[in-house]
Amino acid sequence: QVQLVESGGGLVQPGGSLRLSCVVSGGFFSRYAMGWYRQAPGKQREFLASISPGGTTTYEDAMKGRFTIFRDNPKNTVWLQMTSLTPEDTAVYYCTNYDNFWGQGTQVTVSS
């Protein structure tokens, strides 16, 4: 059974940074493309960034320059580094392996 577990969320002040992590157990992590999404209250889940098994990255245009996705295959982990956070970044952040598995999400709240 494949499991994805996100962590690293929390309360951060505007302008701050956070690094989210997603650890994958089961399956074959090195073969998965991985992605980060978020869902704010009352809004649809939105794509943020993805990374191929080989490390090629894709970003939602609005996230370019602020968010960075990276992975370590031996550690079965993908991260999302977020900078210059604003209250509009408040949401639950999810990772997926694009094989029908999602994590439970980690809450990010940006507030002073």
PDB file of N, CA and C in Angstrom:
ATOM      1  N   GLN A   1       0.840  -1.177   0.000  1.00  0.00           N
ATOM      2  CA  GLN A   1       0.000   0.000   0.000  1.00  0.00           C
ATOM      3  C   GLN A   1       0.883   1.237   0.000  1.00  0.00           C
ATOM      4  N   VAL A   2       0.608   2.109  -0.943  1.00  0.00           N
ATOM      5  CA  VAL A   2       1.367   3.357  -1.036  1.00  0.00           C
ATOM      6  C   VAL A   2       0.779   4.374  -0.064  1.00  0.00           C
ATOM      7  N   GLN A   3       1.628   5.036   0.673  1.00  0.00           N
ATOM      8  CA  GLN A   3       1.195   6.104   1.575  1.00  0.00           C
ATOM      9  C   GLN A   3       2.052   7.335   1.355  1.00  0.00           C
ATOM     10  N   LEU A   4       1.405   8.487   1.380  1.00  0.00           N
ATOM     11  CA  LEU A   4       2.079   9.768   1.265  1.00  0.00           C
ATOM     12  C   LEU A   4       1.769  10.564   2.524  1.00  0.00           C
ATOM     13  N   VAL A   5       2.791  11.073   3.168  1.00  0.00           N
ATOM     14  CA  VAL A   5       2.612  11.820   4.400  1.00  0.00           C
ATOM     15  C   VAL A   5       3.312  13.166   4.277  1.00  0.00           C
ATOM     16  N   GLU A   6       2.489  14.228   4.311  1.00  0.00           N
ATOM     17  CA  GLU A   6       3.038  15.577   4.254  1.00  0.00           C
ATOM     18  C   GLU A   6       3.313  16.097   5.655  1.00  0.00           C
ATOM     19  N   SER A   7       4.255  16.988   5.742  1.00  0.00           N
ATOM     20  CA  SER A   7       4.540  17.689   6.992  1.00  0.00           C
ATOM     21  C   SER A   7       5.220  19.011   6.673  1.00  0.00           C
ATOM     22  N   GLY A   8       5.338  19.827   7.705  1.00  0.00           N
ATOM     23  CA  GLY A   8       6.034  21.091   7.545  1.00  0.00           C
ATOM     24  C   GLY A   8       5.143  22.308   7.511  1.00  0.00           C
ATOM     25  N   GLY A   9       3.842  22.092   7.513  1.00  0.00           N
ATOM     26  CA  GLY A   9       2.932  23.229   7.523  1.00  0.00           C
ATOM     27  C   GLY A   9       2.916  23.912   8.880  1.00  0.00           C
ATOM     28  N   GLY A  10       2.214  25.021   8.941  1.00  0.00           N
ATOM     29  CA  GLY A  10       2.109  25.752  10.192  1.00  0.00           C
ATOM     30  C   GLY A  10       1.717  27.178   9.957  1.00  0.00           C
ATOM     31  N   LEU A  11       1.881  27.968  10.997  1.00  0.00           N
ATOM     32  CA  LEU A  11       1.562  29.395  10.937  1.00  0.00           C
ATOM     33  C   LEU A  11       2.844  30.176  10.636  1.00  0.00           C
ATOM     34  N   VAL A  12       2.760  31.039   9.647  1.00  0.00           N
ATOM     35  CA  VAL A  12       3.917  31.839   9.267  1.00  0.00           C
ATOM     36  C   VAL A  12       3.455  33.261   8.973  1.00  0.00           C
ATOM     37  N   GLN A  13       4.297  34.214   9.257  1.00  0.00           N
ATOM     38  CA  GLN A  13       3.956  35.607   8.996  1.00  0.00           C
ATOM     39  C   GLN A  13       4.108  35.936   7.513  1.00  0.00           C
ATOM     40  N   PRO A  14       3.362  36.910   7.057  1.00  0.00           N
ATOM     41  CA  PRO A  14       3.531  37.342   5.656  1.00  0.00           C
ATOM     42  C   PRO A  14       4.987  37.679   5.356  1.00  0.00           C
ATOM     43  N   GLY A  15       5.435  37.237   4.195  1.00  0.00           N
ATOM     44  CA  GLY A  15       6.828  37.422   3.817  1.00  0.00           C
ATOM     45  C   GLY A  15       7.735  36.294   4.241  1.00  0.00           C
ATOM     46  N   GLY A  16       7.200  35.389   5.039  1.00  0.00           N
ATOM     47  CA  GLY A  16       8.003  34.283   5.542  1.00  0.00           C
ATOM     48  C   GLY A  16       8.117  33.137   4.555  1.00  0.00           C
ATOM     49  N   SER A  17       8.795  32.097   5.017  1.00  0.00           N
ATOM     50  CA  SER A  17       9.037  30.918   4.193  1.00  0.00           C
ATOM     51  C   SER A  17       8.676  29.652   4.955  1.00  0.00           C
ATOM     52  N   LEU A  18       8.376  28.638   4.205  1.00  0.00           N
ATOM     53  CA  LEU A  18       8.138  27.309   4.770  1.00  0.00           C
ATOM     54  C   LEU A  18       8.661  26.276   3.793  1.00  0.00           C
ATOM     55  N   ARG A  19       9.057  25.143   4.330  1.00  0.00           N
ATOM     56  CA  ARG A  19       9.438  24.007   3.497  1.00  0.00           C
ATOM     57  C   ARG A  19       8.556  22.831   3.877  1.00  0.00           C
ATOM     58  N   LEU A  20       7.772  22.393   2.924  1.00  0.00           N
ATOM     59  CA  LEU A  20       6.909  21.232   3.120  1.00  0.00           C
ATOM     60  C   LEU A  20       7.617  19.984   2.619  1.00  0.00           C
ATOM     61  N   SER A  21       7.361  18.891   3.280  1.00  0.00           N
ATOM     62  CA  SER A  21       7.919  17.627   2.825  1.00  0.00           C
ATOM     63  C   SER A  21       6.818  16.600   2.649  1.00  0.00           C
ATOM     64  N   CYS A  22       7.078  15.647   1.793  1.00  0.00           N
ATOM     65  CA  CYS A  22       6.147  14.559   1.521  1.00  0.00           C
ATOM     66  C   CYS A  22       6.974  13.286   1.420  1.00  0.00           C
ATOM     67  N   VAL A  23       6.745  12.408   2.359  1.00  0.00           N
ATOM     68  CA  VAL A  23       7.463  11.136   2.384  1.00  0.00           C
ATOM     69  C   VAL A  23       6.545  10.048   1.849  1.00  0.00           C
ATOM     70  N   VAL A  24       7.054   9.268   0.935  1.00  0.00           N
ATOM     71  CA  VAL A  24       6.270   8.218   0.297  1.00  0.00           C
ATOM     72  C   VAL A  24       6.773   6.856   0.761  1.00  0.00           C
ATOM     73  N   SER A  25       5.861   6.033   1.221  1.00  0.00           N
ATOM     74  CA  SER A  25       6.209   4.666   1.582  1.00  0.00           C
ATOM     75  C   SER A  25       5.411   3.709   0.696  1.00  0.00           C
ATOM     76  N   GLY A  26       6.012   2.552   0.417  1.00  0.00           N
ATOM     77  CA  GLY A  26       5.387   1.620  -0.499  1.00  0.00           C
ATOM     78  C   GLY A  26       5.597   2.080  -1.932  1.00  0.00           C
ATOM     79  N   GLY A  27       5.340   1.248  -2.861  1.00  0.00           N
ATOM     80  CA  GLY A  27       5.479   1.623  -4.253  1.00  0.00           C
ATOM     81  C   GLY A  27       6.927   1.811  -4.672  1.00  0.00           C
ATOM     82  N   PHE A  28       7.114   2.538  -5.747  1.00  0.00           N
ATOM     83  CA  PHE A  28       8.441   2.758  -6.310  1.00  0.00           C
ATOM     84  C   PHE A  28       8.615   4.256  -6.515  1.00  0.00           C
ATOM     85  N   PHE A  29       9.047   4.923  -5.481  1.00  0.00           N
ATOM     86  CA  PHE A  29       9.106   6.380  -5.489  1.00  0.00           C
ATOM     87  C   PHE A  29       9.896   6.913  -6.676  1.00  0.00           C
ATOM     88  N   SER A  30      11.005   6.299  -6.975  1.00  0.00           N
ATOM     89  CA  SER A  30      11.868   6.831  -8.026  1.00  0.00           C
ATOM     90  C   SER A  30      11.212   6.792  -9.400  1.00  0.00           C
ATOM     91  N   ARG A  31      10.147   6.047  -9.519  1.00  0.00           N
ATOM     92  CA  ARG A  31       9.445   5.957 -10.801  1.00  0.00           C
ATOM     93  C   ARG A  31       8.294   6.954 -10.928  1.00  0.00           C
ATOM     94  N   TYR A  32       7.943   7.601  -9.816  1.00  0.00           N
ATOM     95  CA  TYR A  32       6.787   8.482  -9.821  1.00  0.00           C
ATOM     96  C   TYR A  32       7.162   9.910 -10.193  1.00  0.00           C
ATOM     97  N   ALA A  33       6.348  10.517 -11.035  1.00  0.00           N
ATOM     98  CA  ALA A  33       6.298  11.964 -11.022  1.00  0.00           C
ATOM     99  C   ALA A  33       5.562  12.364  -9.753  1.00  0.00           C
ATOM    100  N   MET A  34       5.956  13.453  -9.148  1.00  0.00           N
ATOM    101  CA  MET A  34       5.337  13.913  -7.904  1.00  0.00           C
ATOM    102  C   MET A  34       4.840  15.332  -8.081  1.00  0.00           C
ATOM    103  N   GLY A  35       3.754  15.628  -7.389  1.00  0.00           N
ATOM    104  CA  GLY A  35       3.197  16.963  -7.521  1.00  0.00           C
ATOM    105  C   GLY A  35       2.720  17.522  -6.200  1.00  0.00           C
ATOM    106  N   TRP A  36       2.662  18.840  -6.145  1.00  0.00           N
ATOM    107  CA  TRP A  36       2.107  19.562  -5.001  1.00  0.00           C
ATOM    108  C   TRP A  36       0.887  20.366  -5.474  1.00  0.00           C
ATOM    109  N   TYR A  37      -0.154  20.300  -4.669  1.00  0.00           N
ATOM    110  CA  TYR A  37      -1.386  21.035  -4.916  1.00  0.00           C
ATOM    111  C   TYR A  37      -1.805  21.681  -3.598  1.00  0.00           C
ATOM    112  N   ARG A  38      -2.745  22.584  -3.694  1.00  0.00           N
ATOM    113  CA  ARG A  38      -3.307  23.158  -2.480  1.00  0.00           C
ATOM    114  C   ARG A  38      -4.792  23.433  -2.684  1.00  0.00           C
ATOM    115  N   GLN A  39      -5.469  23.534  -1.572  1.00  0.00           N
ATOM    116  CA  GLN A  39      -6.898  23.853  -1.606  1.00  0.00           C
ATOM    117  C   GLN A  39      -7.215  24.806  -0.473  1.00  0.00           C
ATOM    118  N   ALA A  40      -7.679  25.964  -0.852  1.00  0.00           N
ATOM    119  CA  ALA A  40      -8.095  26.961   0.119  1.00  0.00           C
ATOM    120  C   ALA A  40      -9.588  26.800   0.388  1.00  0.00           C
ATOM    121  N   PRO A  41     -10.066  27.269   1.536  1.00  0.00           N
ATOM    122  CA  PRO A  41     -11.497  27.139   1.850  1.00  0.00           C
ATOM    123  C   PRO A  41     -12.366  27.734   0.760  1.00  0.00           C
ATOM    124  N   GLY A  42     -13.337  26.952   0.320  1.00  0.00           N
ATOM    125  CA  GLY A  42     -14.268  27.430  -0.684  1.00  0.00           C
ATOM    126  C   GLY A  42     -13.730  27.465  -2.098  1.00  0.00           C
ATOM    127  N   LYS A  43     -12.521  26.951  -2.291  1.00  0.00           N
ATOM    128  CA  LYS A  43     -11.918  26.969  -3.620  1.00  0.00           C
ATOM    129  C   LYS A  43     -11.573  25.555  -4.071  1.00  0.00           C
ATOM    130  N   GLN A  44     -11.386  25.415  -5.373  1.00  0.00           N
ATOM    131  CA  GLN A  44     -10.979  24.126  -5.908  1.00  0.00           C
ATOM    132  C   GLN A  44      -9.490  23.883  -5.649  1.00  0.00           C
ATOM    133  N   ARG A  45      -9.142  22.621  -5.655  1.00  0.00           N
ATOM    134  CA  ARG A  45      -7.738  22.263  -5.506  1.00  0.00           C
ATOM    135  C   ARG A  45      -6.975  22.767  -6.730  1.00  0.00           C
ATOM    136  N   GLU A  46      -5.832  23.380  -6.496  1.00  0.00           N
ATOM    137  CA  GLU A  46      -5.072  23.944  -7.593  1.00  0.00           C
ATOM    138  C   GLU A  46      -3.660  23.367  -7.650  1.00  0.00           C
ATOM    139  N   PHE A  47      -3.165  23.248  -8.859  1.00  0.00           N
ATOM    140  CA  PHE A  47      -1.827  22.755  -9.096  1.00  0.00           C
ATOM    141  C   PHE A  47      -0.801  23.818  -8.718  1.00  0.00           C
ATOM    142  N   LEU A  48       0.298  23.365  -8.118  1.00  0.00           N
ATOM    143  CA  LEU A  48       1.390  24.271  -7.769  1.00  0.00           C
ATOM    144  C   LEU A  48       2.661  23.941  -8.540  1.00  0.00           C
ATOM    145  N   ALA A  49       3.081  22.671  -8.437  1.00  0.00           N
ATOM    146  CA  ALA A  49       4.350  22.288  -9.044  1.00  0.00           C
ATOM    147  C   ALA A  49       4.417  20.778  -9.160  1.00  0.00           C
ATOM    148  N   SER A  50       5.228  20.314 -10.099  1.00  0.00           N
ATOM    149  CA  SER A  50       5.460  18.889 -10.245  1.00  0.00           C
ATOM    150  C   SER A  50       6.922  18.647 -10.601  1.00  0.00           C
ATOM    151  N   ILE A  51       7.324  17.411 -10.388  1.00  0.00           N
ATOM    152  CA  ILE A  51       8.704  17.037 -10.701  1.00  0.00           C
ATOM    153  C   ILE A  51       8.703  15.617 -11.240  1.00  0.00           C
ATOM    154  N   SER A  52       9.412  15.424 -12.340  1.00  0.00           N
ATOM    155  CA  SER A  52       9.463  14.109 -12.969  1.00  0.00           C
ATOM    156  C   SER A  52      10.404  13.191 -12.195  1.00  0.00           C
ATOM    157  N   PRO A  53      10.389  11.919 -12.507  1.00  0.00           N
ATOM    158  CA  PRO A  53      11.342  11.020 -11.849  1.00  0.00           C
ATOM    159  C   PRO A  53      12.790  11.468 -12.020  1.00  0.00           C
ATOM    160  N   GLY A  54      13.085  12.067 -13.135  1.00  0.00           N
ATOM    161  CA  GLY A  54      14.454  12.506 -13.403  1.00  0.00           C
ATOM    162  C   GLY A  54      14.772  13.899 -12.912  1.00  0.00           C
ATOM    163  N   GLY A  55      13.765  14.589 -12.373  1.00  0.00           N
ATOM    164  CA  GLY A  55      14.027  15.904 -11.790  1.00  0.00           C
ATOM    165  C   GLY A  55      13.568  17.093 -12.613  1.00  0.00           C
ATOM    166  N   THR A  56      12.910  16.867 -13.724  1.00  0.00           N
ATOM    167  CA  THR A  56      12.377  17.987 -14.505  1.00  0.00           C
ATOM    168  C   THR A  56      11.180  18.586 -13.772  1.00  0.00           C
ATOM    169  N   THR A  57      11.204  19.900 -13.633  1.00  0.00           N
ATOM    170  CA  THR A  57      10.169  20.560 -12.853  1.00  0.00           C
ATOM    171  C   THR A  57       9.220  21.367 -13.731  1.00  0.00           C
ATOM    172  N   THR A  58       8.001  21.481 -13.255  1.00  0.00           N
ATOM    173  CA  THR A  58       6.969  22.298 -13.888  1.00  0.00           C
ATOM    174  C   THR A  58       6.269  23.075 -12.792  1.00  0.00           C
ATOM    175  N   TYR A  59       5.985  24.346 -13.059  1.00  0.00           N
ATOM    176  CA  TYR A  59       5.332  25.194 -12.065  1.00  0.00           C
ATOM    177  C   TYR A  59       4.121  25.887 -12.649  1.00  0.00           C
ATOM    178  N   GLU A  60       3.124  26.075 -11.791  1.00  0.00           N
ATOM    179  CA  GLU A  60       2.062  26.986 -12.128  1.00  0.00           C
ATOM    180  C   GLU A  60       2.707  28.370 -12.264  1.00  0.00           C
ATOM    181  N   ASP A  61       2.278  29.103 -13.270  1.00  0.00           N
ATOM    182  CA  ASP A  61       2.938  30.380 -13.550  1.00  0.00           C
ATOM    183  C   ASP A  61       3.010  31.296 -12.330  1.00  0.00           C
ATOM    184  N   ALA A  62       1.949  31.327 -11.560  1.00  0.00           N
ATOM    185  CA  ALA A  62       1.902  32.254 -10.427  1.00  0.00           C
ATOM    186  C   ALA A  62       2.881  31.872  -9.327  1.00  0.00           C
ATOM    187  N   MET A  63       3.387  30.645  -9.353  1.00  0.00           N
ATOM    188  CA  MET A  63       4.291  30.164  -8.307  1.00  0.00           C
ATOM    189  C   MET A  63       5.756  30.281  -8.705  1.00  0.00           C
ATOM    190  N   LYS A  64       6.010  30.518  -9.981  1.00  0.00           N
ATOM    191  CA  LYS A  64       7.400  30.588 -10.435  1.00  0.00           C
ATOM    192  C   LYS A  64       8.148  31.695  -9.696  1.00  0.00           C
ATOM    193  N   GLY A  65       9.318  31.355  -9.234  1.00  0.00           N
ATOM    194  CA  GLY A  65      10.133  32.313  -8.510  1.00  0.00           C
ATOM    195  C   GLY A  65       9.898  32.334  -7.013  1.00  0.00           C
ATOM    196  N   ARG A  66       8.764  31.832  -6.568  1.00  0.00           N
ATOM    197  CA  ARG A  66       8.483  31.789  -5.129  1.00  0.00           C
ATOM    198  C   ARG A  66       8.540  30.376  -4.569  1.00  0.00           C
ATOM    199  N   PHE A  67       8.111  29.406  -5.374  1.00  0.00           N
ATOM    200  CA  PHE A  67       8.059  28.020  -4.917  1.00  0.00           C
ATOM    201  C   PHE A  67       9.093  27.193  -5.680  1.00  0.00           C
ATOM    202  N   THR A  68       9.704  26.261  -4.976  1.00  0.00           N
ATOM    203  CA  THR A  68      10.668  25.350  -5.591  1.00  0.00           C
ATOM    204  C   THR A  68      10.350  23.935  -5.149  1.00  0.00           C
ATOM    205  N   ILE A  69      10.236  23.040  -6.115  1.00  0.00           N
ATOM    206  CA  ILE A  69      10.003  21.626  -5.827  1.00  0.00           C
ATOM    207  C   ILE A  69      11.302  20.873  -6.085  1.00  0.00           C
ATOM    208  N   PHE A  70      11.619  19.948  -5.183  1.00  0.00           N
ATOM    209  CA  PHE A  70      12.793  19.115  -5.387  1.00  0.00           C
ATOM    210  C   PHE A  70      12.585  17.785  -4.684  1.00  0.00           C
ATOM    211  N   ARG A  71      13.384  16.821  -5.070  1.00  0.00           N
ATOM    212  CA  ARG A  71      13.185  15.454  -4.560  1.00  0.00           C
ATOM    213  C   ARG A  71      14.519  14.799  -4.269  1.00  0.00           C
ATOM    214  N   ASP A  72      14.433  13.783  -3.423  1.00  0.00           N
ATOM    215  CA  ASP A  72      15.572  12.922  -3.128  1.00  0.00           C
ATOM    216  C   ASP A  72      15.057  11.498  -3.225  1.00  0.00           C
ATOM    217  N   ASN A  73      15.361  10.831  -4.308  1.00  0.00           N
ATOM    218  CA  ASN A  73      14.807   9.498  -4.523  1.00  0.00           C
ATOM    219  C   ASN A  73      15.223   8.489  -3.451  1.00  0.00           C
ATOM    220  N   PRO A  74      16.481   8.443  -3.039  1.00  0.00           N
ATOM    221  CA  PRO A  74      16.836   7.474  -1.976  1.00  0.00           C
ATOM    222  C   PRO A  74      16.087   7.714  -0.667  1.00  0.00           C
ATOM    223  N   LYS A  75      15.648   8.957  -0.434  1.00  0.00           N
ATOM    224  CA  LYS A  75      14.898   9.267   0.787  1.00  0.00           C
ATOM    225  C   LYS A  75      13.397   9.191   0.589  1.00  0.00           C
ATOM    226  N   ASN A  76      12.962   8.841  -0.626  1.00  0.00           N
ATOM    227  CA  ASN A  76      11.530   8.746  -0.927  1.00  0.00           C
ATOM    228  C   ASN A  76      10.786  10.025  -0.539  1.00  0.00           C
ATOM    229  N   THR A  77      11.409  11.151  -0.762  1.00  0.00           N
ATOM    230  CA  THR A  77      10.865  12.414  -0.290  1.00  0.00           C
ATOM    231  C   THR A  77      10.874  13.470  -1.391  1.00  0.00           C
ATOM    232  N   VAL A  78       9.802  14.249  -1.405  1.00  0.00           N
ATOM    233  CA  VAL A  78       9.725  15.420  -2.260  1.00  0.00           C
ATOM    234  C   VAL A  78       9.400  16.612  -1.362  1.00  0.00           C
ATOM    235  N   TRP A  79      10.000  17.734  -1.671  1.00  0.00           N
ATOM    236  CA  TRP A  79       9.799  18.936  -0.875  1.00  0.00           C
ATOM    237  C   TRP A  79       9.205  20.063  -1.724  1.00  0.00           C
ATOM    238  N   LEU A  80       8.581  20.997  -1.026  1.00  0.00           N
ATOM    239  CA  LEU A  80       8.144  22.230  -1.661  1.00  0.00           C
ATOM    240  C   LEU A  80       8.652  23.372  -0.790  1.00  0.00           C
ATOM    241  N   GLN A  81       9.604  24.106  -1.308  1.00  0.00           N
ATOM    242  CA  GLN A  81      10.125  25.282  -0.622  1.00  0.00           C
ATOM    243  C   GLN A  81       9.300  26.483  -1.056  1.00  0.00           C
ATOM    244  N   MET A  82       8.743  27.187  -0.083  1.00  0.00           N
ATOM    245  CA  MET A  82       7.873  28.324  -0.383  1.00  0.00           C
ATOM    246  C   MET A  82       8.450  29.577   0.256  1.00  0.00           C
ATOM    247  N   THR A  83       8.506  30.637  -0.497  1.00  0.00           N
ATOM    248  CA  THR A  83       9.043  31.901   0.012  1.00  0.00           C
ATOM    249  C   THR A  83       8.071  33.035  -0.275  1.00  0.00           C
ATOM    250  N   SER A  84       8.320  34.171   0.361  1.00  0.00           N
ATOM    251  CA  SER A  84       7.504  35.375   0.159  1.00  0.00           C
ATOM    252  C   SER A  84       6.021  35.058   0.293  1.00  0.00           C
ATOM    253  N   LEU A  85       5.690  34.357   1.333  1.00  0.00           N
ATOM    254  CA  LEU A  85       4.307  33.922   1.514  1.00  0.00           C
ATOM    255  C   LEU A  85       3.393  35.097   1.840  1.00  0.00           C
ATOM    256  N   THR A  86       2.170  34.993   1.354  1.00  0.00           N
ATOM    257  CA  THR A  86       1.137  35.998   1.601  1.00  0.00           C
ATOM    258  C   THR A  86      -0.088  35.296   2.168  1.00  0.00           C
ATOM    259  N   PRO A  87      -1.013  36.051   2.736  1.00  0.00           N
ATOM    260  CA  PRO A  87      -2.241  35.408   3.247  1.00  0.00           C
ATOM    261  C   PRO A  87      -2.985  34.607   2.182  1.00  0.00           C
ATOM    262  N   GLU A  88      -2.807  34.959   0.921  1.00  0.00           N
ATOM    263  CA  GLU A  88      -3.464  34.221  -0.152  1.00  0.00           C
ATOM    264  C   GLU A  88      -2.886  32.818  -0.334  1.00  0.00           C
ATOM    265  N   ASP A  89      -1.769  32.539   0.278  1.00  0.00           N
ATOM    266  CA  ASP A  89      -1.194  31.202   0.231  1.00  0.00           C
ATOM    267  C   ASP A  89      -1.761  30.280   1.312  1.00  0.00           C
ATOM    268  N   THR A  90      -2.625  30.804   2.152  1.00  0.00           N
ATOM    269  CA  THR A  90      -3.241  29.987   3.186  1.00  0.00           C
ATOM    270  C   THR A  90      -4.114  28.919   2.550  1.00  0.00           C
ATOM    271  N   ALA A  91      -3.829  27.672   2.887  1.00  0.00           N
ATOM    272  CA  ALA A  91      -4.529  26.545   2.280  1.00  0.00           C
ATOM    273  C   ALA A  91      -4.028  25.252   2.917  1.00  0.00           C
ATOM    274  N   VAL A  92      -4.691  24.181   2.563  1.00  0.00           N
ATOM    275  CA  VAL A  92      -4.162  22.849   2.861  1.00  0.00           C
ATOM    276  C   VAL A  92      -3.361  22.403   1.651  1.00  0.00           C
ATOM    277  N   TYR A  93      -2.144  21.967   1.902  1.00  0.00           N
ATOM    278  CA  TYR A  93      -1.231  21.581   0.831  1.00  0.00           C
ATOM    279  C   TYR A  93      -1.114  20.059   0.772  1.00  0.00           C
ATOM    280  N   TYR A  94      -1.217  19.542  -0.450  1.00  0.00           N
ATOM    281  CA  TYR A  94      -1.225  18.104  -0.668  1.00  0.00           C
ATOM    282  C   TYR A  94      -0.130  17.696  -1.655  1.00  0.00           C
ATOM    283  N   CYS A  95       0.385  16.498  -1.466  1.00  0.00           N
ATOM    284  CA  CYS A  95       1.246  15.928  -2.492  1.00  0.00           C
ATOM    285  C   CYS A  95       0.557  14.714  -3.105  1.00  0.00           C
ATOM    286  N   THR A  96       0.949  14.399  -4.310  1.00  0.00           N
ATOM    287  CA  THR A  96       0.408  13.261  -5.027  1.00  0.00           C
ATOM    288  C   THR A  96       1.504  12.609  -5.840  1.00  0.00           C
ATOM    289  N   ASN A  97       1.334  11.323  -6.088  1.00  0.00           N
ATOM    290  CA  ASN A  97       2.286  10.608  -6.937  1.00  0.00           C
ATOM    291  C   ASN A  97       1.723  10.370  -8.334  1.00  0.00           C
ATOM    292  N   TYR A  98       0.609  11.042  -8.619  1.00  0.00           N
ATOM    293  CA  TYR A  98      -0.016  10.918  -9.935  1.00  0.00           C
ATOM    294  C   TYR A  98      -0.338   9.469 -10.287  1.00  0.00           C
ATOM    295  N   ASP A  99      -0.537   8.680  -9.268  1.00  0.00           N
ATOM    296  CA  ASP A  99      -0.950   7.284  -9.458  1.00  0.00           C
ATOM    297  C   ASP A  99      -2.102   6.981  -8.520  1.00  0.00           C
ATOM    298  N   ASN A 100      -2.987   7.980  -8.389  1.00  0.00           N
ATOM    299  CA  ASN A 100      -4.195   7.868  -7.578  1.00  0.00           C
ATOM    300  C   ASN A 100      -3.948   7.901  -6.077  1.00  0.00           C
ATOM    301  N   PHE A 101      -2.782   8.311  -5.661  1.00  0.00           N
ATOM    302  CA  PHE A 101      -2.523   8.420  -4.230  1.00  0.00           C
ATOM    303  C   PHE A 101      -2.225   9.875  -3.862  1.00  0.00           C
ATOM    304  N   TRP A 102      -2.824  10.282  -2.747  1.00  0.00           N
ATOM    305  CA  TRP A 102      -2.649  11.621  -2.204  1.00  0.00           C
ATOM    306  C   TRP A 102      -2.329  11.515  -0.722  1.00  0.00           C
ATOM    307  N   GLY A 103      -1.634  12.502  -0.221  1.00  0.00           N
ATOM    308  CA  GLY A 103      -1.438  12.596   1.212  1.00  0.00           C
ATOM    309  C   GLY A 103      -2.658  13.185   1.883  1.00  0.00           C
ATOM    310  N   GLN A 104      -2.580  13.273   3.211  1.00  0.00           N
ATOM    311  CA  GLN A 104      -3.698  13.791   3.985  1.00  0.00           C
ATOM    312  C   GLN A 104      -3.717  15.314   4.024  1.00  0.00           C
ATOM    313  N   GLY A 105      -2.639  15.917   3.606  1.00  0.00           N
ATOM    314  CA  GLY A 105      -2.552  17.373   3.575  1.00  0.00           C
ATOM    315  C   GLY A 105      -1.901  17.948   4.816  1.00  0.00           C
ATOM    316  N   THR A 106      -1.320  19.111   4.650  1.00  0.00           N
ATOM    317  CA  THR A 106      -0.744  19.852   5.766  1.00  0.00           C
ATOM    318  C   THR A 106      -1.205  21.302   5.652  1.00  0.00           C
ATOM    319  N   GLN A 107      -1.656  21.842   6.767  1.00  0.00           N
ATOM    320  CA  GLN A 107      -2.227  23.186   6.765  1.00  0.00           C
ATOM    321  C   GLN A 107      -1.129  24.237   6.792  1.00  0.00           C
ATOM    322  N   VAL A 108      -1.243  25.198   5.906  1.00  0.00           N
ATOM    323  CA  VAL A 108      -0.367  26.376   5.909  1.00  0.00           C
ATOM    324  C   VAL A 108      -1.238  27.598   6.130  1.00  0.00           C
ATOM    325  N   THR A 109      -0.912  28.360   7.140  1.00  0.00           N
ATOM    326  CA  THR A 109      -1.642  29.585   7.442  1.00  0.00           C
ATOM    327  C   THR A 109      -0.655  30.737   7.461  1.00  0.00           C
ATOM    328  N   VAL A 110      -0.939  31.726   6.643  1.00  0.00           N
ATOM    329  CA  VAL A 110      -0.081  32.906   6.561  1.00  0.00           C
ATOM    330  C   VAL A 110      -0.851  34.072   7.157  1.00  0.00           C
ATOM    331  N   SER A 111      -0.381  34.533   8.291  1.00  0.00           N
ATOM    332  CA  SER A 111      -1.102  35.581   8.999  1.00  0.00           C
ATOM    333  C   SER A 111      -0.157  36.280   9.959  1.00  0.00           C
ATOM    334  N   SER A 112      -0.431  37.561  10.171  1.00  0.00           N
ATOM    335  CA  SER A 112       0.334  38.306  11.160  1.00  0.00           C
ATOM    336  C   SER A 112      -0.363  38.283  12.510  1.00  0.00           C
TER     337      SER A 112
END
